Amino acid sequence: MSAKGTLSNERRAKTRHATRASILEAAQRVAARDGARNLSLRGVAAEAGFAPAALYGYFAGKDELLLALAADDLAALAKTMRMATGQNGRTDSLSAAIGAALSQMKNMETMAAAAAALTPIPGSTEPERHFNGRLIAALNALSDASGKRAESREAQCDVLLLAAALTGLAVLSRSGRLAALGFTSEELLKRLEARFTAAS
């Protein structure tokens, strides 16, 4: 292939990537405004300034778009936890990570909406594999914050249980049920951290 052909392919790839990113940004705005469960390709296309059919060149349907949004949220969550823990060796790394994670997860609606988009055969599509990779990165960030790498099956179970508890707390807090039950996220996070560190 000629140098001119290579440059042309690179330009096309950059343009495609930029267009996909602008669609995802439009989808984030629509999800924030209307709720992720109410997301429609037509609404996203209108927000992004595209014809609805144009989105099918980037996403096979609403489920793929939701998985891409959730994967982006997971990447942001992993980054937030890593930033909250700062340097290795902090004695309060786990507390900082789970506090930051819960704070961010309270505003993440895409995870619940994307759960319905996952197929019964995990990782059977490219968007699912991408989602799974971002999920593993978030779990690794949580594991690192605990000060111990989750290398054994038992340690991995502990991190997954911690993530599940955080997710449940975020759902209860977001819906107002936590306050209705007379609890605060702060007191439950302290107990969660104490239980997790005692079990480790």
Protein backbone atom coordinates (compact mmCIF):
# COMPACT_ATOMS: atom_id res chain seq x y z
CA MET A 1 0.00 0.00 0.00
CA SER A 2 1.26 3.46 -0.81
CA ALA A 3 2.05 6.12 1.79
CA LYS A 4 -0.91 8.12 0.46
CA GLY A 5 -3.23 5.13 0.99
CA THR A 6 -1.92 4.61 4.52
CA LEU A 7 -2.52 8.27 5.41
CA SER A 8 -6.01 8.07 3.95
CA ASN A 9 -6.79 5.00 6.08
CA GLU A 10 -5.41 6.73 9.18
CA ARG A 11 -7.58 9.79 8.50
CA ARG A 12 -10.65 7.60 8.05
CA ALA A 13 -9.91 5.77 11.31
CA LYS A 14 -9.44 9.08 13.18
CA THR A 15 -12.66 10.46 11.72
CA ARG A 16 -14.54 7.29 12.65
CA HIS A 17 -13.15 7.41 16.17
CA ALA A 18 -14.07 11.10 16.55
CA THR A 19 -17.59 10.48 15.24
CA ARG A 20 -18.08 7.54 17.61
CA ALA A 21 -16.86 9.70 20.50
CA SER A 22 -19.29 12.49 19.58
CA ILE A 23 -22.16 9.96 19.45
CA LEU A 24 -21.20 8.69 22.93
CA GLU A 25 -21.02 12.27 24.25
CA ALA A 26 -24.49 12.95 22.82
CA ALA A 27 -25.74 9.70 24.37
CA GLN A 28 -24.33 10.76 27.76
CA ARG A 29 -26.21 14.06 27.53
CA VAL A 30 -29.46 12.33 26.56
CA ALA A 31 -29.03 9.74 29.35
CA ALA A 32 -28.38 12.50 31.91
CA ARG A 33 -31.42 14.44 30.73
CA ASP A 34 -33.92 11.65 30.04
CA GLY A 35 -32.49 8.67 31.93
CA ALA A 36 -30.43 5.84 30.46
CA ARG A 37 -33.41 3.49 30.39
CA ASN A 38 -35.28 5.96 28.19
CA LEU A 39 -32.38 6.32 25.77
CA SER A 40 -33.31 5.90 22.12
CA LEU A 41 -31.12 5.87 19.03
CA ARG A 42 -33.41 8.46 17.47
CA GLY A 43 -32.95 10.80 20.45
CA VAL A 44 -29.18 10.30 20.46
CA ALA A 45 -29.00 10.86 16.70
CA ALA A 46 -30.94 14.12 17.04
CA GLU A 47 -28.67 15.26 19.88
CA ALA A 48 -25.55 14.40 17.87
CA GLY A 49 -26.86 15.99 14.67
CA PHE A 50 -26.98 12.75 12.65
CA ALA A 51 -29.67 10.87 10.80
CA PRO A 52 -30.84 7.91 12.96
CA ALA A 53 -29.63 5.40 10.35
CA ALA A 54 -26.09 6.81 10.63
CA LEU A 55 -25.75 5.49 14.19
CA TYR A 56 -26.08 1.90 12.97
CA GLY A 57 -22.67 2.25 11.34
CA TYR A 58 -21.23 2.57 14.87
CA PHE A 59 -23.63 0.64 17.11
CA ALA A 60 -25.80 -2.35 16.17
CA GLY A 61 -28.58 -1.03 18.38
CA LYS A 62 -29.52 0.51 21.70
CA ASP A 63 -27.98 -2.39 23.68
CA GLU A 64 -24.54 -1.85 22.18
CA LEU A 65 -24.78 1.88 22.82
CA LEU A 66 -25.75 1.27 26.46
CA LEU A 67 -22.84 -1.15 26.91
CA ALA A 68 -20.44 1.43 25.45
CA LEU A 69 -21.77 4.09 27.85
CA ALA A 70 -21.48 1.72 30.81
CA ALA A 71 -17.93 0.75 29.76
CA ASP A 72 -16.99 4.44 29.69
CA ASP A 73 -18.52 4.89 33.15
CA LEU A 74 -16.52 1.92 34.45
CA ALA A 75 -13.32 3.41 33.04
CA ALA A 76 -14.12 6.71 34.76
CA LEU A 77 -14.89 4.84 37.99
CA ALA A 78 -11.53 3.02 37.93
CA LYS A 79 -9.76 6.33 37.28
CA THR A 80 -11.66 8.02 40.14
CA MET A 81 -10.68 5.28 42.58
CA ARG A 82 -7.03 5.42 41.51
CA MET A 83 -6.98 9.22 41.86
CA ALA A 84 -8.65 9.01 45.28
CA THR A 85 -6.05 6.60 46.59
CA GLY A 86 -3.20 8.76 45.33
CA GLN A 87 0.17 7.31 46.17
CA ASN A 88 0.65 3.73 47.25
CA GLY A 89 1.13 3.27 50.94
CA ARG A 90 -1.67 5.55 52.11
CA THR A 91 -3.25 4.04 55.19
CA ASP A 92 -6.72 5.22 54.16
CA SER A 93 -6.55 4.10 50.51
CA LEU A 94 -9.48 1.70 50.74
CA SER A 95 -11.62 4.27 52.55
CA ALA A 96 -10.78 6.91 49.94
CA ALA A 97 -11.48 4.53 47.04
CA ILE A 98 -14.83 3.23 48.27
CA GLY A 99 -15.97 6.72 49.27
CA ALA A 100 -15.10 8.11 45.84
CA ALA A 101 -16.63 5.08 44.10
CA LEU A 102 -19.92 5.39 45.97
CA SER A 103 -20.09 9.12 45.33
CA GLN A 104 -19.65 8.56 41.59
CA MET A 105 -21.88 5.49 41.39
CA LYS A 106 -24.82 7.41 42.85
CA ASN A 107 -24.91 9.35 39.57
CA MET A 108 -24.31 6.40 37.21
CA GLU A 109 -27.56 5.18 35.73
CA THR A 110 -25.99 3.42 32.75
CA MET A 111 -24.88 0.35 34.72
CA ALA A 112 -28.43 -0.69 35.60
CA ALA A 113 -29.65 0.01 32.08
CA ALA A 114 -26.73 -1.89 30.53
CA ALA A 115 -27.33 -4.95 32.71
CA ALA A 116 -30.37 -5.78 30.59
CA ALA A 117 -28.24 -5.48 27.44
CA LEU A 118 -25.80 -8.21 28.50
CA THR A 119 -26.36 -11.55 26.79
CA PRO A 120 -26.61 -14.91 28.57
CA ILE A 121 -23.22 -15.86 27.08
CA PRO A 122 -20.71 -13.46 28.68
CA GLY A 123 -18.28 -11.82 26.29
CA SER A 124 -19.99 -13.11 23.16
CA THR A 125 -19.87 -9.73 21.41
CA GLU A 126 -17.14 -7.11 21.03
CA PRO A 127 -19.06 -4.49 23.10
CA GLU A 128 -19.45 -7.06 25.89
CA ARG A 129 -15.76 -7.92 25.83
CA HIS A 130 -14.98 -4.20 26.04
CA PHE A 131 -17.43 -3.83 28.96
CA ASN A 132 -15.91 -6.85 30.72
CA GLY A 133 -12.40 -5.42 30.33
CA ARG A 134 -13.47 -2.13 31.90
CA LEU A 135 -15.24 -4.00 34.70
CA ILE A 136 -12.04 -5.93 35.46
CA ALA A 137 -10.07 -2.67 35.47
CA ALA A 138 -12.49 -1.18 38.03
CA LEU A 139 -12.25 -4.31 40.20
CA ASN A 140 -8.45 -4.16 39.98
CA ALA A 141 -8.51 -0.51 41.11
CA LEU A 142 -10.61 -1.54 44.10
CA SER A 143 -8.27 -4.44 44.83
CA ASP A 144 -5.22 -2.18 44.63
CA ALA A 145 -6.84 0.29 47.04
CA SER A 146 -7.14 -2.50 49.60
CA GLY A 147 -3.35 -2.81 49.51
CA LYS A 148 -3.46 -6.42 48.36
CA ARG A 149 -3.60 -7.74 44.82
CA ALA A 150 -6.53 -10.13 44.44
CA GLU A 151 -4.54 -13.04 43.01
CA SER A 152 -6.26 -15.94 44.76
CA ARG A 153 -9.83 -17.01 44.04
CA GLU A 154 -10.78 -16.16 47.64
CA ALA A 155 -9.33 -12.63 47.38
CA GLN A 156 -11.11 -12.09 44.05
CA CYS A 157 -14.40 -13.15 45.68
CA ASP A 158 -13.81 -10.62 48.46
CA VAL A 159 -13.25 -7.78 45.98
CA LEU A 160 -16.32 -8.79 43.97
CA LEU A 161 -18.42 -8.86 47.15
CA LEU A 162 -17.11 -5.41 48.09
CA ALA A 163 -18.01 -4.10 44.61
CA ALA A 164 -21.48 -5.67 44.84
CA ALA A 165 -22.04 -4.07 48.25
CA LEU A 166 -20.96 -0.66 46.88
CA THR A 167 -23.30 -1.08 43.92
CA GLY A 168 -26.19 -1.94 46.22
CA LEU A 169 -25.44 1.03 48.47
CA ALA A 170 -25.36 3.31 45.42
CA VAL A 171 -28.77 2.03 44.27
CA LEU A 172 -30.30 2.42 47.74
CA SER A 173 -28.78 5.87 48.20
CA ARG A 174 -29.78 7.10 44.73
CA SER A 175 -33.38 5.98 45.24
CA GLY A 176 -33.62 7.59 48.69
CA ARG A 177 -34.22 4.19 50.33
CA LEU A 178 -31.08 4.39 52.46
CA ALA A 179 -32.28 7.59 54.15
CA ALA A 180 -35.80 6.18 54.43
CA LEU A 181 -34.36 3.23 56.34
CA GLY A 182 -32.54 5.63 58.66
CA PHE A 183 -28.99 5.00 57.47
CA THR A 184 -26.29 7.17 55.97
CA SER A 185 -23.85 6.03 53.31
CA GLU A 186 -20.97 7.22 55.51
CA GLU A 187 -21.82 4.91 58.42
CA LEU A 188 -22.36 1.94 56.11
CA LEU A 189 -19.11 2.61 54.26
CA LYS A 190 -17.22 2.54 57.57
CA ARG A 191 -18.76 -0.81 58.47
CA LEU A 192 -18.14 -2.16 54.99
CA GLU A 193 -14.48 -1.14 55.13
CA ALA A 194 -14.09 -2.63 58.62
CA ARG A 195 -15.63 -5.93 57.51
CA PHE A 196 -13.55 -6.06 54.35
CA THR A 197 -10.26 -5.29 56.08
CA ALA A 198 -11.07 -7.79 58.87
CA ALA A 199 -11.78 -10.49 56.28
CA SER A 200 -8.57 -9.80 54.34
